[in-house]
């Protein structure tokens, strides 16, 4: 159970980081495109 919980936390953390990076890239892309 301990390993499963750890993997779940790591997976959720990675997903959150991935979404944050994607959002940042989209924001920068729009900002650059606006210019």
N, C-alpha and C. Protein backbone atom coordinates (compact mmCIF):
# COMPACT_ATOMS: atom_id res chain seq x y z
N UNK A 1 0.85 -1.20 0.00
CA UNK A 1 0.00 0.00 0.00
C UNK A 1 0.88 1.25 0.00
N UNK A 2 1.97 1.18 0.76
CA UNK A 2 2.84 2.36 0.86
C UNK A 2 3.39 2.74 -0.52
N UNK A 3 3.83 1.74 -1.28
CA UNK A 3 4.37 2.02 -2.61
C UNK A 3 3.29 2.60 -3.52
N UNK A 4 2.08 2.02 -3.44
CA UNK A 4 0.99 2.51 -4.29
C UNK A 4 0.67 3.97 -3.97
N UNK A 5 0.61 4.29 -2.67
CA UNK A 5 0.30 5.66 -2.28
C UNK A 5 1.39 6.60 -2.80
N UNK A 6 2.65 6.17 -2.68
CA UNK A 6 3.77 7.00 -3.15
C UNK A 6 3.66 7.24 -4.65
N UNK A 7 3.36 6.19 -5.41
CA UNK A 7 3.24 6.33 -6.86
C UNK A 7 2.10 7.28 -7.20
N UNK A 8 0.99 7.17 -6.47
CA UNK A 8 -0.16 8.03 -6.73
C UNK A 8 0.21 9.49 -6.52
N UNK A 9 0.92 9.76 -5.43
CA UNK A 9 1.33 11.14 -5.14
C UNK A 9 2.27 11.66 -6.22
N UNK A 10 3.24 10.82 -6.59
CA UNK A 10 4.20 11.23 -7.63
C UNK A 10 3.48 11.49 -8.94
N UNK A 11 2.55 10.60 -9.30
CA UNK A 11 1.81 10.76 -10.55
C UNK A 11 1.01 12.06 -10.54
N UNK A 12 0.30 12.31 -9.44
CA UNK A 12 -0.50 13.54 -9.34
C UNK A 12 0.41 14.76 -9.43
N UNK A 13 1.56 14.69 -8.76
CA UNK A 13 2.50 15.81 -8.77
C UNK A 13 3.00 16.08 -10.18
N UNK A 14 3.36 14.99 -10.89
CA UNK A 14 3.85 15.13 -12.27
C UNK A 14 2.77 15.71 -13.16
N UNK A 15 1.53 15.27 -12.98
CA UNK A 15 0.42 15.77 -13.79
C UNK A 15 0.24 17.26 -13.55
N UNK A 16 0.29 17.67 -12.28
CA UNK A 16 0.12 19.10 -11.96
C UNK A 16 1.23 19.92 -12.60
N UNK A 17 2.47 19.40 -12.54
CA UNK A 17 3.60 20.12 -13.14
C UNK A 17 3.40 20.21 -14.66
N UNK A 18 2.95 19.10 -15.25
CA UNK A 18 2.73 19.09 -16.70
C UNK A 18 1.69 20.12 -17.11
N UNK A 19 0.60 20.20 -16.36
CA UNK A 19 -0.45 21.18 -16.66
C UNK A 19 0.09 22.59 -16.50
N UNK A 20 0.86 22.82 -15.45
CA UNK A 20 1.42 24.16 -15.20
C UNK A 20 2.34 24.57 -16.34
N UNK A 21 3.18 23.63 -16.79
CA UNK A 21 4.10 23.93 -17.90
C UNK A 21 3.32 24.22 -19.17
N UNK A 22 2.30 23.39 -19.44
CA UNK A 22 1.49 23.58 -20.64
C UNK A 22 0.81 24.94 -20.61
N UNK A 23 0.24 25.31 -19.45
CA UNK A 23 -0.44 26.59 -19.32
C UNK A 23 0.54 27.74 -19.54
N UNK A 24 1.75 27.61 -18.97
CA UNK A 24 2.77 28.67 -19.13
C UNK A 24 3.18 28.81 -20.59
N UNK A 25 3.38 27.68 -21.27
CA UNK A 25 3.78 27.72 -22.69
C UNK A 25 2.68 28.38 -23.51
N UNK A 26 1.43 28.03 -23.26
CA UNK A 26 0.32 28.63 -24.01
C UNK A 26 0.27 30.13 -23.76
N UNK A 27 0.45 30.52 -22.49
CA UNK A 27 0.41 31.95 -22.14
C UNK A 27 1.52 32.70 -22.87
N UNK A 28 2.74 32.15 -22.84
CA UNK A 28 3.87 32.81 -23.52
C UNK A 28 3.62 32.84 -25.02
N UNK A 29 3.08 31.77 -25.58
CA UNK A 29 2.82 31.71 -27.02
C UNK A 29 1.83 32.81 -27.41
N UNK A 30 0.77 32.98 -26.62
CA UNK A 30 -0.21 34.02 -26.92
C UNK A 30 0.43 35.39 -26.81
N UNK A 31 1.27 35.58 -25.78
CA UNK A 31 1.92 36.87 -25.56
C UNK A 31 2.83 37.21 -26.74
N UNK A 32 3.60 36.22 -27.19
CA UNK A 32 4.51 36.44 -28.33
C UNK A 32 3.70 36.69 -29.60
N UNK A 33 2.61 35.93 -29.77
CA UNK A 33 1.78 36.08 -30.97
C UNK A 33 1.13 37.46 -31.00
N UNK A 34 0.74 37.96 -29.83
CA UNK A 34 0.09 39.28 -29.76
C UNK A 34 1.01 40.36 -30.33
N UNK A 35 2.31 40.23 -30.06
CA UNK A 35 3.26 41.23 -30.55
C UNK A 35 3.29 41.17 -32.08
